[in-house]
PDB file of N, CA and C in Angstrom:
ATOM      1  N   MET A   1     -25.382  21.204  -1.071  1.00  0.00           N
ATOM      2  CA  MET A   1     -25.967  21.771   0.139  1.00  0.00           C
ATOM      3  C   MET A   1     -27.007  20.805   0.692  1.00  0.00           C
ATOM      4  N   SER A   2     -27.056  20.690   1.962  1.00  0.00           N
ATOM      5  CA  SER A   2     -28.034  19.836   2.620  1.00  0.00           C
ATOM      6  C   SER A   2     -28.902  20.676   3.545  1.00  0.00           C
ATOM      7  N   SER A   3     -30.167  20.317   3.633  1.00  0.00           N
ATOM      8  CA  SER A   3     -31.058  21.012   4.565  1.00  0.00           C
ATOM      9  C   SER A   3     -30.491  20.967   5.972  1.00  0.00           C
ATOM     10  N   LEU A   4     -29.869  19.866   6.302  1.00  0.00           N
ATOM     11  CA  LEU A   4     -29.342  19.675   7.645  1.00  0.00           C
ATOM     12  C   LEU A   4     -28.346  20.779   8.014  1.00  0.00           C
ATOM     13  N   SER A   5     -27.529  21.203   7.069  1.00  0.00           N
ATOM     14  CA  SER A   5     -26.517  22.212   7.370  1.00  0.00           C
ATOM     15  C   SER A   5     -27.138  23.545   7.792  1.00  0.00           C
ATOM     16  N   LEU A   6     -28.321  23.861   7.294  1.00  0.00           N
ATOM     17  CA  LEU A   6     -28.998  25.103   7.670  1.00  0.00           C
ATOM     18  C   LEU A   6     -29.580  25.051   9.079  1.00  0.00           C
ATOM     19  N   PHE A   7     -29.794  23.846   9.593  1.00  0.00           N
ATOM     20  CA  PHE A   7     -30.525  23.689  10.854  1.00  0.00           C
ATOM     21  C   PHE A   7     -29.749  22.989  11.957  1.00  0.00           C
ATOM     22  N   ARG A   8     -28.532  22.565  11.673  1.00  0.00           N
ATOM     23  CA  ARG A   8     -27.750  21.764  12.626  1.00  0.00           C
ATOM     24  C   ARG A   8     -27.629  22.408  14.001  1.00  0.00           C
ATOM     25  N   ASP A   9     -27.464  23.724  14.042  1.00  0.00           N
ATOM     26  CA  ASP A   9     -27.274  24.418  15.318  1.00  0.00           C
ATOM     27  C   ASP A   9     -28.543  25.108  15.800  1.00  0.00           C
ATOM     28  N   ASP A  10     -29.674  24.716  15.255  1.00  0.00           N
ATOM     29  CA  ASP A  10     -30.947  25.344  15.619  1.00  0.00           C
ATOM     30  C   ASP A  10     -31.308  25.001  17.066  1.00  0.00           C
ATOM     31  N   GLY A  11     -31.707  25.994  17.813  1.00  0.00           N
ATOM     32  CA  GLY A  11     -32.065  25.782  19.216  1.00  0.00           C
ATOM     33  C   GLY A  11     -33.476  25.283  19.417  1.00  0.00           C
ATOM     34  N   ASP A  12     -34.350  25.490  18.435  1.00  0.00           N
ATOM     35  CA  ASP A  12     -35.748  25.089  18.555  1.00  0.00           C
ATOM     36  C   ASP A  12     -35.926  23.694  17.969  1.00  0.00           C
ATOM     37  N   THR A  13     -35.868  22.676  18.827  1.00  0.00           N
ATOM     38  CA  THR A  13     -36.040  21.298  18.364  1.00  0.00           C
ATOM     39  C   THR A  13     -37.170  20.633  19.131  1.00  0.00           C
ATOM     40  N   ARG A  14     -37.682  19.564  18.557  1.00  0.00           N
ATOM     41  CA  ARG A  14     -38.706  18.749  19.211  1.00  0.00           C
ATOM     42  C   ARG A  14     -38.269  17.293  19.154  1.00  0.00           C
ATOM     43  N   ALA A  15     -38.458  16.604  20.260  1.00  0.00           N
ATOM     44  CA  ALA A  15     -38.091  15.187  20.336  1.00  0.00           C
ATOM     45  C   ALA A  15     -39.348  14.326  20.296  1.00  0.00           C
ATOM     46  N   PHE A  16     -39.263  13.209  19.579  1.00  0.00           N
ATOM     47  CA  PHE A  16     -40.364  12.250  19.497  1.00  0.00           C
ATOM     48  C   PHE A  16     -39.795  10.859  19.720  1.00  0.00           C
ATOM     49  N   GLY A  17     -40.529  10.039  20.460  1.00  0.00           N
ATOM     50  CA  GLY A  17     -40.115   8.669  20.716  1.00  0.00           C
ATOM     51  C   GLY A  17     -40.628   7.741  19.636  1.00  0.00           C
ATOM     52  N   PRO A  18     -40.067   6.528  19.560  1.00  0.00           N
ATOM     53  CA  PRO A  18     -40.497   5.556  18.565  1.00  0.00           C
ATOM     54  C   PRO A  18     -42.013   5.322  18.639  1.00  0.00           C
ATOM     55  N   GLY A  19     -42.669   5.377  17.490  1.00  0.00           N
ATOM     56  CA  GLY A  19     -44.107   5.151  17.429  1.00  0.00           C
ATOM     57  C   GLY A  19     -44.958   6.377  17.708  1.00  0.00           C
ATOM     58  N   GLU A  20     -44.333   7.471  18.123  1.00  0.00           N
ATOM     59  CA  GLU A  20     -45.086   8.679  18.444  1.00  0.00           C
ATOM     60  C   GLU A  20     -45.527   9.396  17.161  1.00  0.00           C
ATOM     61  N   THR A  21     -46.770   9.864  17.160  1.00  0.00           N
ATOM     62  CA  THR A  21     -47.313  10.571  16.007  1.00  0.00           C
ATOM     63  C   THR A  21     -46.865  12.025  16.019  1.00  0.00           C
ATOM     64  N   ILE A  22     -46.372  12.490  14.889  1.00  0.00           N
ATOM     65  CA  ILE A  22     -45.909  13.872  14.739  1.00  0.00           C
ATOM     66  C   ILE A  22     -47.059  14.723  14.210  1.00  0.00           C
ATOM     67  N   PHE A  23     -47.731  14.237  13.181  1.00  0.00           N
ATOM     68  CA  PHE A  23     -48.971  14.841  12.708  1.00  0.00           C
ATOM     69  C   PHE A  23     -49.788  13.794  11.962  1.00  0.00           C
ATOM     70  N   VAL A  24     -51.065  14.102  11.772  1.00  0.00           N
ATOM     71  CA  VAL A  24     -52.010  13.158  11.174  1.00  0.00           C
ATOM     72  C   VAL A  24     -52.570  13.738   9.878  1.00  0.00           C
ATOM     73  N   GLU A  25     -52.757  12.866   8.918  1.00  0.00           N
ATOM     74  CA  GLU A  25     -53.386  13.235   7.651  1.00  0.00           C
ATOM     75  C   GLU A  25     -54.669  14.026   7.934  1.00  0.00           C
ATOM     76  N   GLY A  26     -54.813  15.175   7.277  1.00  0.00           N
ATOM     77  CA  GLY A  26     -55.976  16.034   7.480  1.00  0.00           C
ATOM     78  C   GLY A  26     -55.763  17.164   8.464  1.00  0.00           C
ATOM     79  N   ASP A  27     -54.717  17.077   9.296  1.00  0.00           N
ATOM     80  CA  ASP A  27     -54.400  18.167  10.232  1.00  0.00           C
ATOM     81  C   ASP A  27     -54.029  19.436   9.469  1.00  0.00           C
ATOM     82  N   ASP A  28     -54.192  20.585  10.138  1.00  0.00           N
ATOM     83  CA  ASP A  28     -53.654  21.825   9.595  1.00  0.00           C
ATOM     84  C   ASP A  28     -52.134  21.723   9.639  1.00  0.00           C
ATOM     85  N   GLY A  29     -51.484  22.224   8.609  1.00  0.00           N
ATOM     86  CA  GLY A  29     -50.026  22.170   8.561  1.00  0.00           C
ATOM     87  C   GLY A  29     -49.416  23.521   8.830  1.00  0.00           C
ATOM     88  N   ARG A  30     -48.855  23.682   9.998  1.00  0.00           N
ATOM     89  CA  ARG A  30     -48.237  24.962  10.356  1.00  0.00           C
ATOM     90  C   ARG A  30     -46.714  24.923  10.318  1.00  0.00           C
ATOM     91  N   HIS A  31     -46.151  23.718  10.171  1.00  0.00           N
ATOM     92  CA  HIS A  31     -44.699  23.553  10.146  1.00  0.00           C
ATOM     93  C   HIS A  31     -44.309  22.480   9.138  1.00  0.00           C
ATOM     94  N   MET A  32     -43.114  22.604   8.609  1.00  0.00           N
ATOM     95  CA  MET A  32     -42.438  21.471   7.989  1.00  0.00           C
ATOM     96  C   MET A  32     -41.356  21.084   8.988  1.00  0.00           C
ATOM     97  N   TYR A  33     -40.759  19.950   8.804  1.00  0.00           N
ATOM     98  CA  TYR A  33     -39.766  19.474   9.765  1.00  0.00           C
ATOM     99  C   TYR A  33     -38.495  19.013   9.061  1.00  0.00           C
ATOM    100  N   VAL A  34     -37.368  19.273   9.718  1.00  0.00           N
ATOM    101  CA  VAL A  34     -36.064  18.786   9.293  1.00  0.00           C
ATOM    102  C   VAL A  34     -35.623  17.777  10.341  1.00  0.00           C
ATOM    103  N   ILE A  35     -35.169  16.618   9.895  1.00  0.00           N
ATOM    104  CA  ILE A  35     -34.753  15.557  10.821  1.00  0.00           C
ATOM    105  C   ILE A  35     -33.266  15.711  11.138  1.00  0.00           C
ATOM    106  N   LEU A  36     -32.980  16.048  12.397  1.00  0.00           N
ATOM    107  CA  LEU A  36     -31.582  16.126  12.844  1.00  0.00           C
ATOM    108  C   LEU A  36     -31.053  14.739  13.190  1.00  0.00           C
ATOM    109  N   ASP A  37     -31.900  13.920  13.802  1.00  0.00           N
ATOM    110  CA  ASP A  37     -31.551  12.544  14.173  1.00  0.00           C
ATOM    111  C   ASP A  37     -32.798  11.692  14.115  1.00  0.00           C
ATOM    112  N   GLY A  38     -32.629  10.407  13.789  1.00  0.00           N
ATOM    113  CA  GLY A  38     -33.746   9.476  13.783  1.00  0.00           C
ATOM    114  C   GLY A  38     -34.360   9.309  12.409  1.00  0.00           C
ATOM    115  N   SER A  39     -35.571   8.747  12.398  1.00  0.00           N
ATOM    116  CA  SER A  39     -36.270   8.520  11.139  1.00  0.00           C
ATOM    117  C   SER A  39     -37.776   8.603  11.351  1.00  0.00           C
ATOM    118  N   VAL A  40     -38.470   8.924  10.266  1.00  0.00           N
ATOM    119  CA  VAL A  40     -39.911   9.163  10.300  1.00  0.00           C
ATOM    120  C   VAL A  40     -40.577   8.395   9.168  1.00  0.00           C
ATOM    121  N   ARG A  41     -41.730   7.829   9.462  1.00  0.00           N
ATOM    122  CA  ARG A  41     -42.546   7.125   8.462  1.00  0.00           C
ATOM    123  C   ARG A  41     -43.662   8.050   8.007  1.00  0.00           C
ATOM    124  N   LEU A  42     -43.814   8.212   6.690  1.00  0.00           N
ATOM    125  CA  LEU A  42     -44.927   8.963   6.123  1.00  0.00           C
ATOM    126  C   LEU A  42     -45.898   7.949   5.543  1.00  0.00           C
ATOM    127  N   SER A  43     -47.172   8.070   5.931  1.00  0.00           N
ATOM    128  CA  SER A  43     -48.158   7.089   5.473  1.00  0.00           C
ATOM    129  C   SER A  43     -49.493   7.762   5.165  1.00  0.00           C
ATOM    130  N   VAL A  44     -50.258   7.097   4.303  1.00  0.00           N
ATOM    131  CA  VAL A  44     -51.618   7.528   3.984  1.00  0.00           C
ATOM    132  C   VAL A  44     -52.518   6.331   4.229  1.00  0.00           C
ATOM    133  N   THR A  45     -53.544   6.531   5.018  1.00  0.00           N
ATOM    134  CA  THR A  45     -54.490   5.474   5.417  1.00  0.00           C
ATOM    135  C   THR A  45     -53.752   4.194   5.827  1.00  0.00           C
ATOM    136  N   GLY A  46     -52.670   4.378   6.597  1.00  0.00           N
ATOM    137  CA  GLY A  46     -51.917   3.244   7.138  1.00  0.00           C
ATOM    138  C   GLY A  46     -50.889   2.650   6.200  1.00  0.00           C
ATOM    139  N   ARG A  47     -50.856   3.074   4.957  1.00  0.00           N
ATOM    140  CA  ARG A  47     -49.910   2.524   3.974  1.00  0.00           C
ATOM    141  C   ARG A  47     -48.664   3.404   3.902  1.00  0.00           C
ATOM    142  N   THR A  48     -47.498   2.795   4.110  1.00  0.00           N
ATOM    143  CA  THR A  48     -46.247   3.538   4.091  1.00  0.00           C
ATOM    144  C   THR A  48     -45.953   4.074   2.701  1.00  0.00           C
ATOM    145  N   LEU A  49     -45.698   5.382   2.642  1.00  0.00           N
ATOM    146  CA  LEU A  49     -45.300   6.022   1.390  1.00  0.00           C
ATOM    147  C   LEU A  49     -43.792   6.165   1.314  1.00  0.00           C
ATOM    148  N   GLU A  50     -43.211   6.517   2.460  1.00  0.00           N
ATOM    149  CA  GLU A  50     -41.781   6.818   2.478  1.00  0.00           C
ATOM    150  C   GLU A  50     -41.259   6.781   3.903  1.00  0.00           C
ATOM    151  N   LYS A  51     -39.979   6.451   4.026  1.00  0.00           N
ATOM    152  CA  LYS A  51     -39.264   6.575   5.295  1.00  0.00           C
ATOM    153  C   LYS A  51     -38.218   7.650   5.088  1.00  0.00           C
ATOM    154  N   VAL A  52     -38.215   8.645   5.967  1.00  0.00           N
ATOM    155  CA  VAL A  52     -37.312   9.784   5.840  1.00  0.00           C
ATOM    156  C   VAL A  52     -36.322   9.744   7.005  1.00  0.00           C
ATOM    157  N   GLY A  53     -35.047   9.878   6.688  1.00  0.00           N
ATOM    158  CA  GLY A  53     -34.019   9.795   7.714  1.00  0.00           C
ATOM    159  C   GLY A  53     -33.311  11.116   7.956  1.00  0.00           C
ATOM    160  N   LYS A  54     -32.244  11.020   8.717  1.00  0.00           N
ATOM    161  CA  LYS A  54     -31.435  12.177   9.120  1.00  0.00           C
ATOM    162  C   LYS A  54     -31.114  13.067   7.918  1.00  0.00           C
ATOM    163  N   GLY A  55     -31.364  14.365   8.083  1.00  0.00           N
ATOM    164  CA  GLY A  55     -31.107  15.325   7.016  1.00  0.00           C
ATOM    165  C   GLY A  55     -32.281  15.530   6.089  1.00  0.00           C
ATOM    166  N   GLY A  56     -33.289  14.663   6.205  1.00  0.00           N
ATOM    167  CA  GLY A  56     -34.467  14.769   5.352  1.00  0.00           C
ATOM    168  C   GLY A  56     -35.463  15.786   5.869  1.00  0.00           C
ATOM    169  N   VAL A  57     -36.402  16.144   5.011  1.00  0.00           N
ATOM    170  CA  VAL A  57     -37.467  17.065   5.373  1.00  0.00           C
ATOM    171  C   VAL A  57     -38.808  16.437   5.030  1.00  0.00           C
ATOM    172  N   PHE A  58     -39.842  16.865   5.748  1.00  0.00           N
ATOM    173  CA  PHE A  58     -41.198  16.427   5.439  1.00  0.00           C
ATOM    174  C   PHE A  58     -42.171  17.480   5.951  1.00  0.00           C
ATOM    175  N   GLY A  59     -43.382  17.452   5.404  1.00  0.00           N
ATOM    176  CA  GLY A  59     -44.394  18.415   5.810  1.00  0.00           C
ATOM    177  C   GLY A  59     -44.351  19.713   5.031  1.00  0.00           C
ATOM    178  N   GLU A  60     -43.498  19.779   4.016  1.00  0.00           N
ATOM    179  CA  GLU A  60     -43.310  21.021   3.261  1.00  0.00           C
ATOM    180  C   GLU A  60     -44.525  21.403   2.421  1.00  0.00           C
ATOM    181  N   MET A  61     -45.278  20.424   1.959  1.00  0.00           N
ATOM    182  CA  MET A  61     -46.422  20.733   1.089  1.00  0.00           C
ATOM    183  C   MET A  61     -47.439  21.627   1.778  1.00  0.00           C
ATOM    184  N   ALA A  62     -47.677  21.401   3.048  1.00  0.00           N
ATOM    185  CA  ALA A  62     -48.658  22.202   3.784  1.00  0.00           C
ATOM    186  C   ALA A  62     -48.242  23.669   3.868  1.00  0.00           C
ATOM    187  N   LEU A  63     -46.937  23.929   3.856  1.00  0.00           N
ATOM    188  CA  LEU A  63     -46.470  25.314   3.892  1.00  0.00           C
ATOM    189  C   LEU A  63     -46.586  25.975   2.525  1.00  0.00           C
ATOM    190  N   ILE A  64     -46.484  25.184   1.488  1.00  0.00           N
ATOM    191  CA  ILE A  64     -46.512  25.730   0.137  1.00  0.00           C
ATOM    192  C   ILE A  64     -47.935  26.041  -0.316  1.00  0.00           C
ATOM    193  N   ASP A  65     -48.873  25.116  -0.038  1.00  0.00           N
ATOM    194  CA  ASP A  65     -50.232  25.351  -0.550  1.00  0.00           C
ATOM    195  C   ASP A  65     -51.287  25.583   0.533  1.00  0.00           C
ATOM    196  N   ALA A  66     -50.878  25.639   1.791  1.00  0.00           N
ATOM    197  CA  ALA A  66     -51.787  25.914   2.919  1.00  0.00           C
ATOM    198  C   ALA A  66     -52.959  24.950   2.976  1.00  0.00           C
ATOM    199  N   SER A  67     -52.768  23.740   2.496  1.00  0.00           N
ATOM    200  CA  SER A  67     -53.801  22.702   2.556  1.00  0.00           C
ATOM    201  C   SER A  67     -53.555  21.794   3.753  1.00  0.00           C
ATOM    202  N   PRO A  68     -54.574  21.020   4.140  1.00  0.00           N
ATOM    203  CA  PRO A  68     -54.382  20.071   5.237  1.00  0.00           C
ATOM    204  C   PRO A  68     -53.298  19.042   4.901  1.00  0.00           C
ATOM    205  N   ARG A  69     -52.764  18.419   5.920  1.00  0.00           N
ATOM    206  CA  ARG A  69     -51.736  17.394   5.742  1.00  0.00           C
ATOM    207  C   ARG A  69     -52.238  16.290   4.811  1.00  0.00           C
ATOM    208  N   SER A  70     -51.378  15.868   3.900  1.00  0.00           N
ATOM    209  CA  SER A  70     -51.745  14.818   2.956  1.00  0.00           C
ATOM    210  C   SER A  70     -51.314  13.441   3.443  1.00  0.00           C
ATOM    211  N   ALA A  71     -50.589  13.389   4.554  1.00  0.00           N
ATOM    212  CA  ALA A  71     -50.097  12.117   5.085  1.00  0.00           C
ATOM    213  C   ALA A  71     -49.977  12.217   6.603  1.00  0.00           C
ATOM    214  N   THR A  72     -49.744  11.068   7.218  1.00  0.00           N
ATOM    215  CA  THR A  72     -49.469  10.985   8.651  1.00  0.00           C
ATOM    216  C   THR A  72     -47.970  10.758   8.820  1.00  0.00           C
ATOM    217  N   ALA A  73     -47.373  11.436   9.781  1.00  0.00           N
ATOM    218  CA  ALA A  73     -45.943  11.273  10.082  1.00  0.00           C
ATOM    219  C   ALA A  73     -45.794  10.664  11.462  1.00  0.00           C
ATOM    220  N   THR A  74     -45.046   9.566  11.530  1.00  0.00           N
ATOM    221  CA  THR A  74     -44.834   8.841  12.776  1.00  0.00           C
ATOM    222  C   THR A  74     -43.345   8.582  12.962  1.00  0.00           C
ATOM    223  N   ALA A  75     -42.840   8.800  14.159  1.00  0.00           N
ATOM    224  CA  ALA A  75     -41.427   8.523  14.438  1.00  0.00           C
ATOM    225  C   ALA A  75     -41.190   7.022  14.378  1.00  0.00           C
ATOM    226  N   LEU A  76     -40.237   6.598  13.568  1.00  0.00           N
ATOM    227  CA  LEU A  76     -39.852   5.181  13.504  1.00  0.00           C
ATOM    228  C   LEU A  76     -38.866   4.853  14.617  1.00  0.00           C
ATOM    229  N   ALA A  77     -38.020   5.813  14.899  1.00  0.00           N
ATOM    230  CA  ALA A  77     -37.016   5.694  15.961  1.00  0.00           C
ATOM    231  C   ALA A  77     -37.045   7.010  16.709  1.00  0.00           C
ATOM    232  N   ALA A  78     -36.415   7.046  17.861  1.00  0.00           N
ATOM    233  CA  ALA A  78     -36.312   8.323  18.585  1.00  0.00           C
ATOM    234  C   ALA A  78     -35.739   9.350  17.623  1.00  0.00           C
ATOM    235  N   CYS A  79     -36.372  10.501  17.546  1.00  0.00           N
ATOM    236  CA  CYS A  79     -35.877  11.495  16.603  1.00  0.00           C
ATOM    237  C   CYS A  79     -35.927  12.900  17.176  1.00  0.00           C
ATOM    238  N   THR A  80     -35.047  13.721  16.631  1.00  0.00           N
ATOM    239  CA  THR A  80     -34.983  15.137  16.963  1.00  0.00           C
ATOM    240  C   THR A  80     -35.292  15.898  15.686  1.00  0.00           C
ATOM    241  N   LEU A  81     -36.316  16.749  15.753  1.00  0.00           N
ATOM    242  CA  LEU A  81     -36.780  17.485  14.585  1.00  0.00           C
ATOM    243  C   LEU A  81     -36.687  18.983  14.816  1.00  0.00           C
ATOM    244  N   VAL A  82     -36.448  19.718  13.749  1.00  0.00           N
ATOM    245  CA  VAL A  82     -36.516  21.177  13.783  1.00  0.00           C
ATOM    246  C   VAL A  82     -37.804  21.573  13.068  1.00  0.00           C
ATOM    247  N   PRO A  83     -38.746  22.194  13.795  1.00  0.00           N
ATOM    248  CA  PRO A  83     -39.954  22.685  13.133  1.00  0.00           C
ATOM    249  C   PRO A  83     -39.644  23.993  12.397  1.00  0.00           C
ATOM    250  N   VAL A  84     -40.160  24.116  11.191  1.00  0.00           N
ATOM    251  CA  VAL A  84     -39.929  25.306  10.382  1.00  0.00           C
ATOM    252  C   VAL A  84     -41.284  25.920  10.051  1.00  0.00           C
ATOM    253  N   THR A  85     -41.514  27.147  10.508  1.00  0.00           N
ATOM    254  CA  THR A  85     -42.777  27.838  10.252  1.00  0.00           C
ATOM    255  C   THR A  85     -42.839  28.308   8.799  1.00  0.00           C
ATOM    256  N   ALA A  86     -44.040  28.654   8.352  1.00  0.00           N
ATOM    257  CA  ALA A  86     -44.225  29.169   6.993  1.00  0.00           C
ATOM    258  C   ALA A  86     -43.399  30.436   6.785  1.00  0.00           C
ATOM    259  N   GLU A  87     -43.365  31.294   7.782  1.00  0.00           N
ATOM    260  CA  GLU A  87     -42.595  32.543   7.682  1.00  0.00           C
ATOM    261  C   GLU A  87     -41.107  32.253   7.502  1.00  0.00           C
ATOM    262  N   ARG A  88     -40.583  31.340   8.294  1.00  0.00           N
ATOM    263  CA  ARG A  88     -39.161  30.992   8.177  1.00  0.00           C
ATOM    264  C   ARG A  88     -38.884  30.297   6.847  1.00  0.00           C
ATOM    265  N   PHE A  89     -39.806  29.452   6.415  1.00  0.00           N
ATOM    266  CA  PHE A  89     -39.659  28.762   5.140  1.00  0.00           C
ATOM    267  C   PHE A  89     -39.532  29.773   4.002  1.00  0.00           C
ATOM    268  N   LYS A  90     -40.429  30.766   3.981  1.00  0.00           N
ATOM    269  CA  LYS A  90     -40.385  31.796   2.939  1.00  0.00           C
ATOM    270  C   LYS A  90     -39.075  32.567   2.990  1.00  0.00           C
ATOM    271  N   SER A  91     -38.606  32.869   4.181  1.00  0.00           N
ATOM    272  CA  SER A  91     -37.343  33.576   4.339  1.00  0.00           C
ATOM    273  C   SER A  91     -36.184  32.743   3.795  1.00  0.00           C
ATOM    274  N   LEU A  92     -36.175  31.441   4.104  1.00  0.00           N
ATOM    275  CA  LEU A  92     -35.111  30.558   3.620  1.00  0.00           C
ATOM    276  C   LEU A  92     -35.123  30.462   2.101  1.00  0.00           C
ATOM    277  N   VAL A  93     -36.318  30.408   1.510  1.00  0.00           N
ATOM    278  CA  VAL A  93     -36.429  30.339   0.056  1.00  0.00           C
ATOM    279  C   VAL A  93     -35.848  31.605  -0.578  1.00  0.00           C
ATOM    280  N   LYS A  94     -36.137  32.763   0.029  1.00  0.00           N
ATOM    281  CA  LYS A  94     -35.616  34.033  -0.501  1.00  0.00           C
ATOM    282  C   LYS A  94     -34.105  34.135  -0.332  1.00  0.00           C
ATOM    283  N   GLU A  95     -33.601  33.715   0.826  1.00  0.00           N
ATOM    284  CA  GLU A  95     -32.181  33.871   1.144  1.00  0.00           C
ATOM    285  C   GLU A  95     -31.290  32.810   0.507  1.00  0.00           C
ATOM    286  N   SER A  96     -31.860  31.631   0.258  1.00  0.00           N
ATOM    287  CA  SER A  96     -31.047  30.519  -0.227  1.00  0.00           C
ATOM    288  C   SER A  96     -31.746  29.796  -1.379  1.00  0.00           C
ATOM    289  N   PRO A  97     -31.471  30.222  -2.596  1.00  0.00           N
ATOM    290  CA  PRO A  97     -32.074  29.536  -3.747  1.00  0.00           C
ATOM    291  C   PRO A  97     -31.776  28.031  -3.757  1.00  0.00           C
ATOM    292  N   ASP A  98     -30.605  27.630  -3.237  1.00  0.00           N
ATOM    293  CA  ASP A  98     -30.279  26.202  -3.179  1.00  0.00           C
ATOM    294  C   ASP A  98     -31.266  25.446  -2.286  1.00  0.00           C
ATOM    295  N   PHE A  99     -31.701  26.084  -1.211  1.00  0.00           N
ATOM    296  CA  PHE A  99     -32.699  25.470  -0.326  1.00  0.00           C
ATOM    297  C   PHE A  99     -33.997  25.255  -1.102  1.00  0.00           C
ATOM    298  N   ALA A 100     -34.434  26.270  -1.833  1.00  0.00           N
ATOM    299  CA  ALA A 100     -35.667  26.166  -2.619  1.00  0.00           C
ATOM    300  C   ALA A 100     -35.564  25.038  -3.645  1.00  0.00           C
ATOM    301  N   ILE A 101     -34.432  24.941  -4.324  1.00  0.00           N
ATOM    302  CA  ILE A 101     -34.231  23.882  -5.322  1.00  0.00           C
ATOM    303  C   ILE A 101     -34.259  22.515  -4.649  1.00  0.00           C
ATOM    304  N   GLU A 102     -33.642  22.409  -3.488  1.00  0.00           N
ATOM    305  CA  GLU A 102     -33.632  21.126  -2.774  1.00  0.00           C
ATOM    306  C   GLU A 102     -35.060  20.697  -2.413  1.00  0.00           C
ATOM    307  N   ILE A 103     -35.878  21.626  -1.934  1.00  0.00           N
ATOM    308  CA  ILE A 103     -37.266  21.311  -1.594  1.00  0.00           C
ATOM    309  C   ILE A 103     -38.022  20.878  -2.846  1.00  0.00           C
ATOM    310  N   MET A 104     -37.799  21.563  -3.958  1.00  0.00           N
ATOM    311  CA  MET A 104     -38.464  21.172  -5.214  1.00  0.00           C
ATOM    312  C   MET A 104     -38.031  19.781  -5.654  1.00  0.00           C
ATOM    313  N   ARG A 105     -36.757  19.462  -5.491  1.00  0.00           N
ATOM    314  CA  ARG A 105     -36.270  18.118  -5.854  1.00  0.00           C
ATOM    315  C   ARG A 105     -36.935  17.040  -4.993  1.00  0.00           C
ATOM    316  N   ILE A 106     -37.058  17.326  -3.708  1.00  0.00           N
ATOM    317  CA  ILE A 106     -37.706  16.372  -2.797  1.00  0.00           C
ATOM    318  C   ILE A 106     -39.159  16.154  -3.217  1.00  0.00           C
ATOM    319  N   MET A 107     -39.866  17.246  -3.498  1.00  0.00           N
ATOM    320  CA  MET A 107     -41.263  17.125  -3.901  1.00  0.00           C
ATOM    321  C   MET A 107     -41.396  16.391  -5.233  1.00  0.00           C
ATOM    322  N   ALA A 108     -40.507  16.654  -6.174  1.00  0.00           N
ATOM    323  CA  ALA A 108     -40.541  15.973  -7.470  1.00  0.00           C
ATOM    324  C   ALA A 108     -40.294  14.480  -7.294  1.00  0.00           C
ATOM    325  N   ALA A 109     -39.340  14.120  -6.452  1.00  0.00           N
ATOM    326  CA  ALA A 109     -39.041  12.705  -6.211  1.00  0.00           C
ATOM    327  C   ALA A 109     -40.238  12.004  -5.584  1.00  0.00           C
ATOM    328  N   ARG A 110     -40.909  12.675  -4.653  1.00  0.00           N
ATOM    329  CA  ARG A 110     -42.091  12.068  -4.027  1.00  0.00           C
ATOM    330  C   ARG A 110     -43.225  11.902  -5.033  1.00  0.00           C
ATOM    331  N   LEU A 111     -43.402  12.884  -5.902  1.00  0.00           N
ATOM    332  CA  LEU A 111     -44.436  12.798  -6.925  1.00  0.00           C
ATOM    333  C   LEU A 111     -44.136  11.663  -7.900  1.00  0.00           C
ATOM    334  N   ARG A 112     -42.894  11.544  -8.334  1.00  0.00           N
ATOM    335  CA  ARG A 112     -42.512  10.454  -9.243  1.00  0.00           C
ATOM    336  C   ARG A 112     -42.715   9.091  -8.580  1.00  0.00           C
ATOM    337  N   SER A 113     -42.384   9.021  -7.303  1.00  0.00           N
ATOM    338  CA  SER A 113     -42.577   7.765  -6.568  1.00  0.00           C
ATOM    339  C   SER A 113     -44.051   7.380  -6.511  1.00  0.00           C
ATOM    340  N   MET A 114     -44.902   8.366  -6.272  1.00  0.00           N
ATOM    341  CA  MET A 114     -46.355   8.109  -6.233  1.00  0.00           C
ATOM    342  C   MET A 114     -46.862   7.696  -7.620  1.00  0.00           C
ATOM    343  N   ASP A 115     -46.361   8.343  -8.666  1.00  0.00           N
ATOM    344  CA  ASP A 115     -46.774   8.006 -10.031  1.00  0.00           C
ATOM    345  C   ASP A 115     -46.431   6.549 -10.348  1.00  0.00           C
ATOM    346  N   ARG A 116     -45.264   6.087  -9.916  1.00  0.00           N
ATOM    347  CA  ARG A 116     -44.855   4.699 -10.163  1.00  0.00           C
ATOM    348  C   ARG A 116     -45.775   3.707  -9.456  1.00  0.00           C
ATOM    349  N   ARG A 117     -46.332   4.110  -8.339  1.00  0.00           N
ATOM    350  CA  ARG A 117     -47.205   3.210  -7.569  1.00  0.00           C
ATOM    351  C   ARG A 117     -48.607   3.098  -8.171  1.00  0.00           C
ATOM    352  N   LEU A 118     -48.966   4.068  -9.005  1.00  0.00           N
ATOM    353  CA  LEU A 118     -50.327   4.076  -9.579  1.00  0.00           C
ATOM    354  C   LEU A 118     -50.439   3.264 -10.820  1.00  0.00           C
TER     355      LEU A 118
END
């Protein structure tokens, strides 16, 4: 299962141009995002942590722990994103255990990647 399959036909999308900021480290996090097209750079204090492409998700941590954004997200290329509210996120987790597992896998991979850098 891919996150993209749950959101492919979603009517609520947002477009960002190359170099456009999606959110900034320290912002309140009210949405996570699914990338329908394009790619996004996640960075902390200007240092690239990860590049996320089509079908990927980012911003999920803010929905899980209600803390400020831990990174800045910038469009690398023109992209189309589906914003997912905390309410919708909780509903998806309840309705689709595979979605919840996929989000946990993404978070685990990011944590392991950060551990390797330290």
